[in-house]
C-alpha atoms as a PDB file:
ATOM      1  CA  UNK A   1       9.512   0.803   1.505  1.00  0.00           C
ATOM      2  CA  UNK A   2       8.119   4.306   1.473  1.00  0.00           C
ATOM      3  CA  UNK A   3       9.569   7.300   3.286  1.00  0.00           C
ATOM      4  CA  UNK A   4       8.046  10.666   4.125  1.00  0.00           C
ATOM      5  CA  UNK A   5       9.200  12.137   0.819  1.00  0.00           C
ATOM      6  CA  UNK A   6       7.465   9.300  -1.095  1.00  0.00           C
ATOM      7  CA  UNK A   7       4.324   9.459   1.017  1.00  0.00           C
ATOM      8  CA  UNK A   8       3.874  13.233   0.960  1.00  0.00           C
ATOM      9  CA  UNK A   9       3.719  13.318   4.756  1.00  0.00           C
ATOM     10  CA  UNK A  10       5.838  15.301   7.150  1.00  0.00           C
ATOM     11  CA  UNK A  11       7.310  12.544   9.328  1.00  0.00           C
ATOM     12  CA  UNK A  12       8.894   9.106   9.058  1.00  0.00           C
ATOM     13  CA  UNK A  13       7.468   8.293  12.500  1.00  0.00           C
ATOM     14  CA  UNK A  14       4.318   6.298  11.744  1.00  0.00           C
ATOM     15  CA  UNK A  15       2.251   5.709  14.876  1.00  0.00           C
ATOM     16  CA  UNK A  16      -1.015   4.285  13.503  1.00  0.00           C
ATOM     17  CA  UNK A  17      -2.362   2.638  10.367  1.00  0.00           C
ATOM     18  CA  UNK A  18      -6.101   2.184   9.794  1.00  0.00           C
ATOM     19  CA  UNK A  19      -7.706   0.639   6.706  1.00  0.00           C
ATOM     20  CA  UNK A  20     -11.143   2.101   5.931  1.00  0.00           C
ATOM     21  CA  UNK A  21     -14.132   0.621   4.059  1.00  0.00           C
ATOM     22  CA  UNK A  22     -12.776   1.933   0.729  1.00  0.00           C
ATOM     23  CA  UNK A  23      -9.517   0.019   1.249  1.00  0.00           C
ATOM     24  CA  UNK A  24      -7.571   3.247   1.815  1.00  0.00           C
ATOM     25  CA  UNK A  25      -4.915   3.376   4.495  1.00  0.00           C
ATOM     26  CA  UNK A  26      -5.008   6.270   6.961  1.00  0.00           C
ATOM     27  CA  UNK A  27      -1.569   7.080   8.352  1.00  0.00           C
ATOM     28  CA  UNK A  28      -1.164   8.699  11.761  1.00  0.00           C
ATOM     29  CA  UNK A  29       2.328  10.125  11.891  1.00  0.00           C
ATOM     30  CA  UNK A  30       4.515  12.087  14.234  1.00  0.00           C
ATOM     31  CA  UNK A  31       3.427  15.217  12.386  1.00  0.00           C
ATOM     32  CA  UNK A  32      -0.070  14.878  10.930  1.00  0.00           C
ATOM     33  CA  UNK A  33      -2.356  12.543   8.983  1.00  0.00           C
ATOM     34  CA  UNK A  34      -1.760  11.013   5.575  1.00  0.00           C
ATOM     35  CA  UNK A  35      -3.869   8.780   3.385  1.00  0.00           C
ATOM     36  CA  UNK A  36      -2.790   6.114   0.918  1.00  0.00           C
ATOM     37  CA  UNK A  37      -5.347   5.506  -1.826  1.00  0.00           C
ATOM     38  CA  UNK A  38      -4.871   1.947  -3.093  1.00  0.00           C
ATOM     39  CA  UNK A  39      -6.918   2.653  -6.236  1.00  0.00           C
ATOM     40  CA  UNK A  40      -4.765   5.538  -7.459  1.00  0.00           C
ATOM     41  CA  UNK A  41      -1.554   4.413  -5.740  1.00  0.00           C
ATOM     42  CA  UNK A  42      -1.116   7.948  -4.347  1.00  0.00           C
ATOM     43  CA  UNK A  43      -0.348   9.334  -0.926  1.00  0.00           C
ATOM     44  CA  UNK A  44      -2.229  12.451   0.182  1.00  0.00           C
ATOM     45  CA  UNK A  45      -2.100  14.527   3.327  1.00  0.00           C
ATOM     46  CA  UNK A  46      -5.219  15.624   5.124  1.00  0.00           C
ATOM     47  CA  UNK A  47      -4.422  19.299   4.589  1.00  0.00           C
ATOM     48  CA  UNK A  48      -4.357  18.696   0.812  1.00  0.00           C
ATOM     49  CA  UNK A  49      -7.772  17.021   1.020  1.00  0.00           C
ATOM     50  CA  UNK A  50      -9.538  19.609   3.201  1.00  0.00           C
ATOM     51  CA  UNK A  51      -7.316  22.668   3.140  1.00  0.00           C
ATOM     52  CA  UNK A  52      -6.705  22.407   6.881  1.00  0.00           C
ATOM     53  CA  UNK A  53      -3.317  21.625   8.249  1.00  0.00           C
ATOM     54  CA  UNK A  54      -3.216  19.396  11.301  1.00  0.00           C
ATOM     55  CA  UNK A  55       0.518  19.541  11.947  1.00  0.00           C
ATOM     56  CA  UNK A  56       0.718  17.787  15.243  1.00  0.00           C
ATOM     57  CA  UNK A  57       1.578  14.361  16.589  1.00  0.00           C
ATOM     58  CA  UNK A  58      -1.221  11.861  16.187  1.00  0.00           C
ATOM     59  CA  UNK A  59      -2.183  10.200  19.473  1.00  0.00           C
ATOM     60  CA  UNK A  60      -4.686   7.696  18.062  1.00  0.00           C
ATOM     61  CA  UNK A  61      -6.673   6.711  14.952  1.00  0.00           C
ATOM     62  CA  UNK A  62      -9.941   4.767  14.810  1.00  0.00           C
ATOM     63  CA  UNK A  63     -12.430   3.806  12.098  1.00  0.00           C
ATOM     64  CA  UNK A  64     -15.758   3.601  13.967  1.00  0.00           C
ATOM     65  CA  UNK A  65     -17.443   1.610  11.172  1.00  0.00           C
ATOM     66  CA  UNK A  66     -19.958   4.340  10.366  1.00  0.00           C
ATOM     67  CA  UNK A  67     -17.896   6.187   7.767  1.00  0.00           C
ATOM     68  CA  UNK A  68     -15.998   8.259  10.308  1.00  0.00           C
ATOM     69  CA  UNK A  69     -12.306   8.239  11.159  1.00  0.00           C
ATOM     70  CA  UNK A  70     -11.533   9.556  14.633  1.00  0.00           C
ATOM     71  CA  UNK A  71      -8.111  11.068  15.239  1.00  0.00           C
ATOM     72  CA  UNK A  72      -6.668  12.283  18.503  1.00  0.00           C
ATOM     73  CA  UNK A  73      -3.717  14.619  18.629  1.00  0.00           C
ATOM     74  CA  UNK A  74      -1.075  15.181  21.246  1.00  0.00           C
ATOM     75  CA  UNK A  75      -2.011  18.841  21.429  1.00  0.00           C
ATOM     76  CA  UNK A  76      -5.159  17.685  23.234  1.00  0.00           C
ATOM     77  CA  UNK A  77      -7.945  17.674  20.680  1.00  0.00           C
ATOM     78  CA  UNK A  78     -10.015  15.043  18.950  1.00  0.00           C
ATOM     79  CA  UNK A  79     -11.462  15.251  15.427  1.00  0.00           C
ATOM     80  CA  UNK A  80     -13.978  13.218  13.450  1.00  0.00           C
ATOM     81  CA  UNK A  81     -13.234  12.975   9.714  1.00  0.00           C
ATOM     82  CA  UNK A  82     -15.958  12.028   7.238  1.00  0.00           C
ATOM     83  CA  UNK A  83     -14.437   9.363   4.941  1.00  0.00           C
ATOM     84  CA  UNK A  84     -16.473  10.567   1.918  1.00  0.00           C
ATOM     85  CA  UNK A  85     -16.095  14.350   2.115  1.00  0.00           C
ATOM     86  CA  UNK A  86     -13.038  14.588   4.421  1.00  0.00           C
ATOM     87  CA  UNK A  87     -14.966  17.233   6.375  1.00  0.00           C
ATOM     88  CA  UNK A  88     -13.561  17.641   9.879  1.00  0.00           C
ATOM     89  CA  UNK A  89     -15.541  18.110  13.097  1.00  0.00           C
ATOM     90  CA  UNK A  90     -13.451  19.125  16.096  1.00  0.00           C
ATOM     91  CA  UNK A  91     -14.104  17.993  19.663  1.00  0.00           C
ATOM     92  CA  UNK A  92     -12.377  18.800  22.946  1.00  0.00           C
ATOM     93  CA  UNK A  93     -10.282  21.455  21.225  1.00  0.00           C
ATOM     94  CA  UNK A  94      -9.240  23.136  24.471  1.00  0.00           C
ATOM     95  CA  UNK A  95      -8.628  19.918  26.392  1.00  0.00           C
ATOM     96  CA  UNK A  96      -5.707  19.545  28.826  1.00  0.00           C
ATOM     97  CA  UNK A  97      -2.736  18.703  26.583  1.00  0.00           C
ATOM     98  CA  UNK A  98      -0.783  16.878  29.289  1.00  0.00           C
ATOM     99  CA  UNK A  99      -3.496  14.176  29.277  1.00  0.00           C
ATOM    100  CA  UNK A 100      -4.140  13.866  25.543  1.00  0.00           C
ATOM    101  CA  UNK A 101      -6.309  11.060  24.142  1.00  0.00           C
ATOM    102  CA  UNK A 102      -3.733   8.336  23.519  1.00  0.00           C
ATOM    103  CA  UNK A 103      -6.134   5.546  22.472  1.00  0.00           C
ATOM    104  CA  UNK A 104      -9.709   5.708  21.200  1.00  0.00           C
ATOM    105  CA  UNK A 105     -12.215   2.875  21.147  1.00  0.00           C
ATOM    106  CA  UNK A 106     -15.821   2.819  19.957  1.00  0.00           C
ATOM    107  CA  UNK A 107     -18.593   0.280  20.416  1.00  0.00           C
ATOM    108  CA  UNK A 108     -21.319   1.107  17.873  1.00  0.00           C
ATOM    109  CA  UNK A 109     -23.977  -1.109  19.480  1.00  0.00           C
ATOM    110  CA  UNK A 110     -24.000   1.064  22.596  1.00  0.00           C
ATOM    111  CA  UNK A 111     -22.698   4.316  21.097  1.00  0.00           C
ATOM    112  CA  UNK A 112     -19.925   4.015  23.676  1.00  0.00           C
ATOM    113  CA  UNK A 113     -16.667   5.873  23.265  1.00  0.00           C
ATOM    114  CA  UNK A 114     -13.720   5.127  25.516  1.00  0.00           C
ATOM    115  CA  UNK A 115     -10.369   6.801  25.500  1.00  0.00           C
ATOM    116  CA  UNK A 116      -7.132   6.173  27.296  1.00  0.00           C
ATOM    117  CA  UNK A 117      -5.542   9.386  28.434  1.00  0.00           C
ATOM    118  CA  UNK A 118      -1.769   9.555  28.186  1.00  0.00           C
ATOM    119  CA  UNK A 119      -1.231   9.525  31.942  1.00  0.00           C
ATOM    120  CA  UNK A 120      -4.800   9.776  33.176  1.00  0.00           C
ATOM    121  CA  UNK A 121      -6.323   6.322  32.859  1.00  0.00           C
ATOM    122  CA  UNK A 122      -9.551   5.456  31.081  1.00  0.00           C
ATOM    123  CA  UNK A 123     -12.487   7.795  30.403  1.00  0.00           C
ATOM    124  CA  UNK A 124     -15.878   7.719  28.711  1.00  0.00           C
ATOM    125  CA  UNK A 125     -16.256  10.311  25.971  1.00  0.00           C
ATOM    126  CA  UNK A 126     -19.491  11.985  24.948  1.00  0.00           C
ATOM    127  CA  UNK A 127     -18.486  13.931  21.819  1.00  0.00           C
ATOM    128  CA  UNK A 128     -21.913  15.513  21.364  1.00  0.00           C
ATOM    129  CA  UNK A 129     -22.061  16.824  24.953  1.00  0.00           C
ATOM    130  CA  UNK A 130     -18.307  17.465  25.114  1.00  0.00           C
ATOM    131  CA  UNK A 131     -18.012  15.614  28.409  1.00  0.00           C
ATOM    132  CA  UNK A 132     -15.273  13.375  29.756  1.00  0.00           C
ATOM    133  CA  UNK A 133     -16.139  11.012  32.614  1.00  0.00           C
ATOM    134  CA  UNK A 134     -13.524   8.902  34.418  1.00  0.00           C
ATOM    135  CA  UNK A 135     -14.085   5.140  34.187  1.00  0.00           C
ATOM    136  CA  UNK A 136     -15.034   3.670  37.562  1.00  0.00           C
ATOM    137  CA  UNK A 137     -15.385   0.026  38.529  1.00  0.00           C
ATOM    138  CA  UNK A 138     -18.442  -1.359  40.364  1.00  0.00           C
ATOM    139  CA  UNK A 139     -17.075  -0.231  43.731  1.00  0.00           C
ATOM    140  CA  UNK A 140     -16.593   3.340  42.475  1.00  0.00           C
ATOM    141  CA  UNK A 141     -12.776   3.141  42.287  1.00  0.00           C
ATOM    142  CA  UNK A 142     -10.675   4.375  39.348  1.00  0.00           C
ATOM    143  CA  UNK A 143      -8.787   1.164  38.445  1.00  0.00           C
ATOM    144  CA  UNK A 144      -6.830   2.745  35.575  1.00  0.00           C
ATOM    145  CA  UNK A 145      -5.948   6.056  37.206  1.00  0.00           C
ATOM    146  CA  UNK A 146      -2.400   7.091  36.288  1.00  0.00           C
ATOM    147  CA  UNK A 147      -1.872   4.067  34.026  1.00  0.00           C
ATOM    148  CA  UNK A 148      -0.696   4.171  30.423  1.00  0.00           C
ATOM    149  CA  UNK A 149      -3.180   2.054  28.472  1.00  0.00           C
ATOM    150  CA  UNK A 150      -1.767   0.369  25.388  1.00  0.00           C
ATOM    151  CA  UNK A 151      -4.780  -1.484  24.012  1.00  0.00           C
ATOM    152  CA  UNK A 152      -8.561  -1.821  24.225  1.00  0.00           C
ATOM    153  CA  UNK A 153     -10.578  -4.546  22.487  1.00  0.00           C
ATOM    154  CA  UNK A 154     -13.975  -6.196  22.856  1.00  0.00           C
ATOM    155  CA  UNK A 155     -13.767  -9.899  23.770  1.00  0.00           C
ATOM    156  CA  UNK A 156     -17.461 -10.745  24.271  1.00  0.00           C
ATOM    157  CA  UNK A 157     -20.834  -9.020  24.286  1.00  0.00           C
ATOM    158  CA  UNK A 158     -20.332  -7.634  27.787  1.00  0.00           C
ATOM    159  CA  UNK A 159     -16.559  -7.661  28.221  1.00  0.00           C
ATOM    160  CA  UNK A 160     -13.657  -5.595  26.995  1.00  0.00           C
ATOM    161  CA  UNK A 161      -9.984  -6.330  27.517  1.00  0.00           C
ATOM    162  CA  UNK A 162      -7.691  -3.467  28.474  1.00  0.00           C
ATOM    163  CA  UNK A 163      -3.895  -3.761  28.525  1.00  0.00           C
ATOM    164  CA  UNK A 164      -1.735  -1.276  30.385  1.00  0.00           C
ATOM    165  CA  UNK A 165       1.968  -0.528  30.152  1.00  0.00           C
ATOM    166  CA  UNK A 166       2.591  -1.917  33.630  1.00  0.00           C
ATOM    167  CA  UNK A 167       1.430  -5.355  32.506  1.00  0.00           C
ATOM    168  CA  UNK A 168      -2.092  -5.111  33.970  1.00  0.00           C
END
């Protein structure tokens, strides 16, 4: 067992764990991001690695398979972290904090980013354009509006499975 003092992070509330291609474990906590390096056996915080402090609750963590870790924060912004250099690119910095990005999902084949907003359903993200588009079904309705989405996963080439807190 490790606690925040052992891990050099600022919270014992661990929300997300993601293992990257270098077999390091990224830790999304209630107060920032940590990293466990299996090779050295050391815990580091992101602010130690890049000199930037991201002291806020992590809303989601995702390894997109291209060498980038995506992290959403409950203060409303989304960052992309280069796994080699730890350089941070910020997106949606001034986004509405009451609907922060609670889950992030990426499909590399289609360059498709989806995010579940905390209380705002499902949206498509275009990080380069900075746009957020609500997900609509074939009839134009917003099937996830107001739902708390707990999970997103691809189940076949053309289908994704989405689980919401209400059991849908």
